[in-house]
Amino acid sequence: MAKPPEGSGHTETEIASQPDRWRRAAASAAGFAPVLPRPGERVAVVGCGTSWFVGQAYAALREAAGQGETDAFAASELPAGRAYDRLLALTRSGTTTEVLDVLHRVRGTVPTVAITADPATPVMGAADEVVVLDYADERSVVQTRFATTQLVLLRAHLGEDVAGVIADAERALAGPLPAEAVRAEQFTFLGRGWTVGLAHEAALKMREAARAWTESYPAMEYRHGPISVTGPGRVAWMFGEPPAGLADQVEGVGGTMITSVLDPLADLIRAQRLAVELARARGADPDAPRNLTRSVVLDADSGIHPVDPGTSGDPSYSAILDADAS
C-alpha cells in the first residue's frame, strides 16, 4: 500500500489504500457472479450521492459491454411502474433511507442485490442478496475507497482485466498533482460516457472536503454555457479523452485543461488527493467536513439526529440517511 504523507488523517490513509482494496475486489469478482446482474438482464441501479455517481458509471460501462439496458437513478427518483429484471442498490453504510425505501417498495416484484460495507445494518434484510465489501469500509465521512472499490468489482464482473487500472492507481498516488490545479480558484470536471459519473464524483469530493467552487458536466455540454466561467486561474479537468477542439477552446479563453493518460478511475484518485490538499491549505479538516456526518437518523417528525461516525446507529431502524451520500 502506498504510504500517505507524514501526519496525515484517516482520509489520506484511505485514499492511499485503494490499490490494495482494488486487488481484493478484482479477486473476488468471480465469486460474486451468481448474485450480480447477469448478461441480458434489464437492470436499475440506485444510490445516493457518491453511490449514484458510481451507478451512473457502471450503467454506461454495462451497456457499452453489450450486457443489457442499465439505468442509474438517485434512489429517491426511481420511477414507479418500470419493468426491470434486477435492481442493484449501492450503499456504503447500509442504512440510507432512500435506498432502504426502494428495496422495501420493490420487494417480491424484482430480484434485488445490494453492495455495502457494513454487514450489521438494515440493508442485510432489505435486499434479496448482499455483497459485503467490509475491507473497503471507511472511517471517513468523505467517501473515497469504498466507492472506487465497488466500481472495480463491477468492472471485473463485466469481464474487464483491471490489472492495468490498479497499476495506474499506484501511479496516481505516487505522482505529483498538477501545479495549475493546486493554484486554481475554480474547477470544472468533465467526462464522456461512463466517466461523466466520475466527473460528478470528483466535483462532490472537492465540495465536501475543500468547500471548493466546483462544477461537473458531460464534456460536450460544457460548450453550451458552462464554459462562460472559464478563464485565468480556472481549471477544466477531463476524465478520459477530451472532445476534439475542446482543449484549444479552454486555453483560448485563458483557462487550463488537465488531462491524463491514466485510466479515468485511477485519475479520480488524483482528484481525491487534490481535494484533501486544498482542504488542508484552506484550513479545513477533510476528516471533519462542514455540515456532514457519516449518518443521521430521521425520527417520526423528520428531526435529524447525527450518528457517531464510528457507529452504524440502530440497525433495526430503517429510517437512516447517509449524510455523506453513501
Protein backbone atom coordinates (compact mmCIF):
# COMPACT_ATOMS: atom_id res chain seq x y z
CA MET A 1 0.00 0.00 0.00
CA ALA A 2 1.26 3.48 -0.81
CA LYS A 3 2.08 5.46 2.31
CA PRO A 4 0.16 8.71 2.96
CA PRO A 5 2.15 11.81 3.87
CA GLU A 6 3.51 12.12 7.39
CA GLY A 7 0.89 13.49 9.79
CA SER A 8 -1.99 12.53 7.52
CA GLY A 9 -5.52 11.89 8.73
CA HIS A 10 -7.67 8.87 8.04
CA THR A 11 -8.99 10.27 4.75
CA GLU A 12 -5.48 10.35 3.29
CA THR A 13 -4.81 6.86 4.64
CA GLU A 14 -7.94 5.51 2.99
CA ILE A 15 -7.10 7.17 -0.32
CA ALA A 16 -3.65 5.59 -0.24
CA SER A 17 -5.09 2.13 0.44
CA GLN A 18 -7.08 1.94 -2.80
CA PRO A 19 -4.76 -0.23 -4.94
CA ASP A 20 -4.76 -2.91 -2.25
CA ARG A 21 -8.55 -2.83 -1.91
CA TRP A 22 -8.98 -2.90 -5.68
CA ARG A 23 -6.88 -6.07 -5.92
CA ARG A 24 -9.08 -7.77 -3.34
CA ALA A 25 -12.23 -6.71 -5.19
CA ALA A 26 -10.93 -7.98 -8.53
CA ALA A 27 -10.01 -11.32 -6.99
CA SER A 28 -13.50 -11.72 -5.52
CA ALA A 29 -15.49 -10.82 -8.64
CA ALA A 30 -15.95 -14.38 -9.87
CA GLY A 31 -17.32 -15.47 -6.52
CA PHE A 32 -20.00 -12.78 -6.60
CA ALA A 33 -21.08 -13.51 -10.18
CA PRO A 34 -24.16 -15.54 -9.12
CA VAL A 35 -25.76 -12.54 -7.37
CA LEU A 36 -24.63 -9.62 -9.55
CA PRO A 37 -26.53 -8.64 -12.75
CA ARG A 38 -26.45 -11.28 -15.49
CA PRO A 39 -25.82 -10.55 -19.17
CA GLY A 40 -29.05 -9.69 -20.94
CA GLU A 41 -30.92 -8.52 -17.86
CA ARG A 42 -32.54 -5.08 -17.77
CA VAL A 43 -31.10 -3.51 -14.63
CA ALA A 44 -31.84 -0.48 -12.46
CA VAL A 45 -29.07 0.84 -10.21
CA VAL A 46 -29.94 3.08 -7.26
CA GLY A 47 -27.84 5.01 -4.77
CA CYS A 48 -27.42 8.44 -3.21
CA GLY A 49 -24.68 10.97 -3.87
CA THR A 50 -21.40 9.14 -4.43
CA SER A 51 -23.19 5.81 -4.89
CA TRP A 52 -25.47 7.33 -7.52
CA PHE A 53 -22.44 8.60 -9.44
CA VAL A 54 -20.81 5.16 -9.24
CA GLY A 55 -24.09 3.74 -10.50
CA GLN A 56 -24.03 6.12 -13.47
CA ALA A 57 -20.51 4.98 -14.39
CA TYR A 58 -21.43 1.30 -14.06
CA ALA A 59 -24.63 1.70 -16.09
CA ALA A 60 -22.72 3.22 -19.01
CA LEU A 61 -19.99 0.58 -18.81
CA ARG A 62 -22.50 -2.28 -18.71
CA GLU A 63 -24.40 -1.02 -21.73
CA ALA A 64 -21.16 -0.41 -23.64
CA ALA A 65 -20.16 -4.01 -22.88
CA GLY A 66 -23.38 -5.20 -24.50
CA GLN A 67 -24.70 -6.77 -21.31
CA GLY A 68 -28.12 -5.13 -21.31
CA GLU A 69 -30.06 -1.93 -20.73
CA THR A 70 -28.99 -0.33 -17.47
CA ASP A 71 -30.45 2.78 -15.82
CA ALA A 72 -29.00 4.62 -12.82
CA PHE A 73 -31.22 6.69 -10.54
CA ALA A 74 -30.89 8.67 -7.36
CA ALA A 75 -32.73 6.32 -5.02
CA SER A 76 -35.39 8.92 -4.28
CA GLU A 77 -36.14 9.23 -8.02
CA LEU A 78 -36.67 5.63 -9.15
CA PRO A 79 -39.70 5.83 -11.49
CA ALA A 80 -42.71 3.79 -10.50
CA GLY A 81 -44.05 1.19 -12.91
CA ARG A 82 -40.90 0.50 -14.95
CA ALA A 83 -40.07 -3.16 -15.53
CA TYR A 84 -36.60 -4.40 -14.60
CA ASP A 85 -35.10 -7.86 -14.27
CA ARG A 86 -32.89 -6.87 -11.33
CA LEU A 87 -32.30 -3.90 -9.05
CA LEU A 88 -28.79 -3.16 -7.79
CA ALA A 89 -28.59 -0.94 -4.70
CA LEU A 90 -25.32 0.75 -3.69
CA THR A 91 -24.93 1.93 -0.08
CA ARG A 92 -21.72 2.14 1.92
CA SER A 93 -23.47 2.44 5.27
CA GLY A 94 -26.32 0.02 4.58
CA THR A 95 -28.62 2.50 6.29
CA THR A 96 -29.52 5.05 3.63
CA THR A 97 -33.21 5.91 3.95
CA GLU A 98 -34.00 6.28 0.26
CA VAL A 99 -32.19 3.05 -0.69
CA LEU A 100 -33.98 1.05 2.01
CA ASP A 101 -37.31 2.55 0.95
CA VAL A 102 -36.74 1.42 -2.64
CA LEU A 103 -35.76 -2.08 -1.57
CA HIS A 104 -38.87 -2.42 0.56
CA ARG A 105 -41.07 -0.98 -2.19
CA VAL A 106 -39.96 -3.45 -4.86
CA ARG A 107 -39.57 -6.48 -2.62
CA GLY A 108 -41.21 -9.53 -4.16
CA THR A 109 -41.60 -7.89 -7.57
CA VAL A 110 -37.99 -7.81 -8.79
CA PRO A 111 -34.81 -9.56 -7.55
CA THR A 112 -32.60 -7.17 -5.60
CA VAL A 113 -28.93 -7.15 -4.68
CA ALA A 114 -27.06 -4.59 -2.58
CA ILE A 115 -23.38 -3.76 -2.27
CA THR A 116 -22.46 -2.45 1.18
CA ALA A 117 -19.55 -2.09 3.58
CA ASP A 118 -21.31 -2.95 6.83
CA PRO A 119 -22.93 -6.38 7.41
CA ALA A 120 -24.64 -5.24 10.63
CA THR A 121 -27.12 -2.82 9.06
CA PRO A 122 -30.72 -2.92 7.78
CA VAL A 123 -29.77 -3.49 4.14
CA MET A 124 -28.88 -7.09 5.01
CA GLY A 125 -32.56 -7.86 5.48
CA ALA A 126 -33.93 -5.43 2.90
CA ALA A 127 -32.17 -6.88 -0.18
CA ASP A 128 -32.56 -10.42 -1.51
CA GLU A 129 -28.77 -10.75 -1.89
CA VAL A 130 -25.95 -8.68 -0.40
CA VAL A 131 -22.32 -8.24 -1.42
CA VAL A 132 -20.28 -7.11 1.60
CA LEU A 133 -17.00 -5.28 0.98
CA ASP A 134 -16.19 -4.70 4.64
CA TYR A 135 -12.46 -4.49 3.93
CA ALA A 136 -13.17 -1.30 1.94
CA ASP A 137 -15.23 0.39 4.67
CA GLU A 138 -14.06 3.79 5.84
CA ARG A 139 -13.83 5.84 8.96
CA SER A 140 -14.11 8.96 6.79
CA VAL A 141 -17.31 10.86 6.18
CA VAL A 142 -15.99 11.79 2.71
CA GLN A 143 -16.25 8.56 0.74
CA THR A 144 -13.26 7.52 -1.37
CA ARG A 145 -12.05 3.91 -1.35
CA PHE A 146 -15.40 2.18 -0.90
CA ALA A 147 -16.84 3.90 -3.96
CA THR A 148 -13.89 3.07 -6.18
CA THR A 149 -13.54 -0.48 -4.85
CA GLN A 150 -17.12 -1.36 -5.71
CA LEU A 151 -16.65 0.05 -9.21
CA VAL A 152 -13.53 -2.08 -9.69
CA LEU A 153 -15.57 -5.10 -8.57
CA LEU A 154 -18.29 -4.26 -11.07
CA ARG A 155 -15.81 -3.64 -13.89
CA ALA A 156 -14.16 -7.01 -13.21
CA HIS A 157 -17.61 -8.62 -13.18
CA LEU A 158 -18.22 -7.15 -16.65
CA GLY A 159 -15.15 -9.04 -17.85
CA GLU A 160 -12.57 -6.25 -17.79
CA ASP A 161 -8.95 -7.03 -16.99
CA VAL A 162 -8.41 -4.45 -14.25
CA ALA A 163 -4.70 -5.14 -13.67
CA GLY A 164 -3.79 -2.03 -15.66
CA VAL A 165 -6.32 0.03 -13.73
CA ILE A 166 -4.68 -0.99 -10.45
CA ALA A 167 -1.21 -0.21 -11.79
CA ASP A 168 -2.47 3.23 -12.81
CA ALA A 169 -3.83 3.73 -9.29
CA GLU A 170 -0.32 3.24 -7.93
CA ARG A 171 0.93 5.87 -10.37
CA ALA A 172 -1.86 8.27 -9.37
CA LEU A 173 -0.74 8.03 -5.76
CA ALA A 174 2.97 8.37 -6.46
CA GLY A 175 3.00 11.25 -8.94
CA PRO A 176 2.77 14.98 -8.20
CA LEU A 177 -0.53 16.80 -8.54
CA PRO A 178 -0.89 19.26 -11.44
CA ALA A 179 0.51 22.57 -10.22
CA GLU A 180 -2.18 24.52 -12.11
CA ALA A 181 -4.87 22.65 -10.18
CA VAL A 182 -3.27 23.29 -6.79
CA ARG A 183 -3.24 27.03 -7.54
CA ALA A 184 -6.67 27.23 -9.19
CA GLU A 185 -9.65 29.10 -7.78
CA GLN A 186 -12.36 27.18 -9.67
CA PHE A 187 -12.72 23.64 -11.04
CA THR A 188 -14.94 22.07 -13.69
CA PHE A 189 -14.77 18.28 -14.04
CA LEU A 190 -15.76 16.78 -17.38
CA GLY A 191 -16.49 13.28 -18.64
CA ARG A 192 -17.82 11.30 -21.58
CA GLY A 193 -19.83 8.10 -21.40
CA TRP A 194 -19.02 6.24 -18.20
CA THR A 195 -16.68 8.96 -16.96
CA VAL A 196 -19.47 11.51 -16.59
CA GLY A 197 -20.25 9.80 -13.27
CA LEU A 198 -16.60 10.17 -12.27
CA ALA A 199 -16.72 13.89 -13.09
CA HIS A 200 -19.72 14.34 -10.81
CA GLU A 201 -17.97 12.36 -8.07
CA ALA A 202 -14.76 14.39 -8.34
CA ALA A 203 -16.74 17.61 -8.01
CA LEU A 204 -18.55 16.24 -4.96
CA LYS A 205 -15.23 15.38 -3.27
CA MET A 206 -13.95 18.89 -3.86
CA ARG A 207 -17.08 20.45 -2.41
CA GLU A 208 -17.23 18.12 0.59
CA ALA A 209 -13.57 18.18 1.62
CA ALA A 210 -12.29 21.55 0.39
CA ARG A 211 -15.52 23.61 0.08
CA ALA A 212 -14.26 24.49 -3.40
CA TRP A 213 -16.17 26.20 -6.20
CA THR A 214 -16.64 23.14 -8.37
CA GLU A 215 -18.91 22.11 -11.25
CA SER A 216 -19.25 18.97 -13.40
CA TYR A 217 -20.74 18.25 -16.83
CA PRO A 218 -20.67 15.91 -19.80
CA ALA A 219 -17.77 17.24 -21.84
CA MET A 220 -19.82 18.09 -24.93
CA GLU A 221 -22.29 20.05 -22.78
CA TYR A 222 -19.51 22.21 -21.37
CA ARG A 223 -19.59 24.35 -24.51
CA HIS A 224 -23.29 25.06 -24.04
CA GLY A 225 -22.97 27.68 -21.33
CA PRO A 226 -20.64 26.44 -18.56
CA ILE A 227 -17.51 27.43 -20.48
CA SER A 228 -18.52 31.01 -19.67
CA VAL A 229 -16.92 30.64 -16.21
CA THR A 230 -13.57 29.61 -17.70
CA GLY A 231 -10.64 31.98 -17.51
CA PRO A 232 -7.29 32.54 -15.82
CA GLY A 233 -6.98 30.60 -12.57
CA ARG A 234 -9.75 28.18 -13.55
CA VAL A 235 -9.35 24.53 -14.48
CA ALA A 236 -11.27 22.16 -16.70
CA TRP A 237 -10.29 18.61 -15.68
CA MET A 238 -11.16 15.94 -18.23
CA PHE A 239 -11.61 12.26 -17.32
CA GLY A 240 -10.55 10.40 -20.45
CA GLU A 241 -10.00 11.76 -23.94
CA PRO A 242 -11.46 15.27 -24.46
CA PRO A 243 -13.64 16.06 -27.47
CA ALA A 244 -11.77 17.43 -30.45
CA GLY A 245 -11.05 21.13 -30.12
CA LEU A 246 -12.16 21.50 -26.50
CA ALA A 247 -8.67 21.94 -25.06
CA ASP A 248 -7.99 24.74 -27.56
CA GLN A 249 -11.26 26.44 -26.62
CA VAL A 250 -10.45 26.29 -22.89
CA GLU A 251 -6.95 27.63 -23.42
CA GLY A 252 -8.25 30.26 -25.84
CA VAL A 253 -10.22 31.93 -23.04
CA GLY A 254 -7.36 31.72 -20.55
CA GLY A 255 -8.33 28.52 -18.74
CA THR A 256 -6.30 25.37 -18.13
CA MET A 257 -7.29 21.93 -19.42
CA ILE A 258 -5.99 18.99 -17.38
CA THR A 259 -5.93 15.53 -18.93
CA SER A 260 -4.24 12.26 -18.06
CA VAL A 261 -3.13 9.03 -19.73
CA LEU A 262 -4.19 7.12 -16.60
CA ASP A 263 -7.35 5.04 -16.52
CA PRO A 264 -10.09 7.55 -15.57
CA LEU A 265 -10.87 5.72 -12.31
CA ALA A 266 -7.23 5.98 -11.30
CA ASP A 267 -7.29 9.64 -12.30
CA LEU A 268 -10.13 10.09 -9.80
CA ILE A 269 -7.56 9.32 -7.09
CA ARG A 270 -5.67 12.43 -8.16
CA ALA A 271 -8.84 14.47 -7.71
CA GLN A 272 -9.34 12.94 -4.25
CA ARG A 273 -5.78 13.88 -3.32
CA LEU A 274 -6.32 17.40 -4.64
CA ALA A 275 -9.46 17.81 -2.54
CA VAL A 276 -7.55 16.87 0.61
CA GLU A 277 -4.55 19.06 -0.22
CA LEU A 278 -6.75 22.08 -0.88
CA ALA A 279 -8.71 21.45 2.31
CA ARG A 280 -5.52 21.47 4.35
CA ALA A 281 -4.24 24.60 2.58
CA ARG A 282 -7.51 26.42 3.31
CA GLY A 283 -7.56 25.47 6.97
CA ALA A 284 -10.36 22.91 6.60
CA ASP A 285 -10.22 19.40 8.04
CA PRO A 286 -11.10 16.76 5.41
CA ASP A 287 -11.68 14.27 8.23
CA ALA A 288 -14.42 16.52 9.64
CA PRO A 289 -16.21 18.18 6.69
CA ARG A 290 -18.56 21.04 7.46
CA ASN A 291 -22.27 20.22 7.78
CA LEU A 292 -21.74 16.48 7.25
CA THR A 293 -21.73 13.38 9.41
CA ARG A 294 -21.43 9.78 8.26
CA SER A 295 -25.11 9.15 9.10
CA VAL A 296 -28.14 10.93 10.51
CA VAL A 297 -31.30 9.37 11.88
CA LEU A 298 -34.70 10.75 10.92
CA ASP A 299 -37.29 10.50 13.66
CA ALA A 300 -41.05 10.37 13.16
CA ASP A 301 -41.20 14.16 12.92
CA SER A 302 -38.35 14.27 10.40
CA GLY A 303 -35.98 15.58 13.04
CA ILE A 304 -32.35 14.93 12.21
CA HIS A 305 -30.06 13.32 14.76
CA PRO A 306 -26.39 12.81 13.83
CA VAL A 307 -24.96 9.33 14.33
CA ASP A 308 -21.38 8.97 15.51
CA PRO A 309 -19.10 8.29 12.50
CA GLY A 310 -17.75 5.20 14.21
CA THR A 311 -21.13 3.51 14.61
CA SER A 312 -23.91 2.32 12.36
CA GLY A 313 -26.71 3.55 14.58
CA ASP A 314 -29.60 1.22 15.33
CA PRO A 315 -29.58 -1.45 12.58
CA SER A 316 -33.19 -2.31 13.33
CA TYR A 317 -34.39 1.15 12.35
CA SER A 318 -34.68 1.68 8.62
CA ALA A 319 -35.13 5.48 8.55
CA ILE A 320 -31.45 6.42 8.50
CA LEU A 321 -29.98 8.82 6.00
CA ASP A 322 -26.32 8.67 4.98
CA ALA A 323 -25.49 12.38 5.02
CA ASP A 324 -22.24 11.85 3.15
CA ALA A 325 -24.30 10.35 0.31
CA SER A 326 -23.25 6.76 0.81
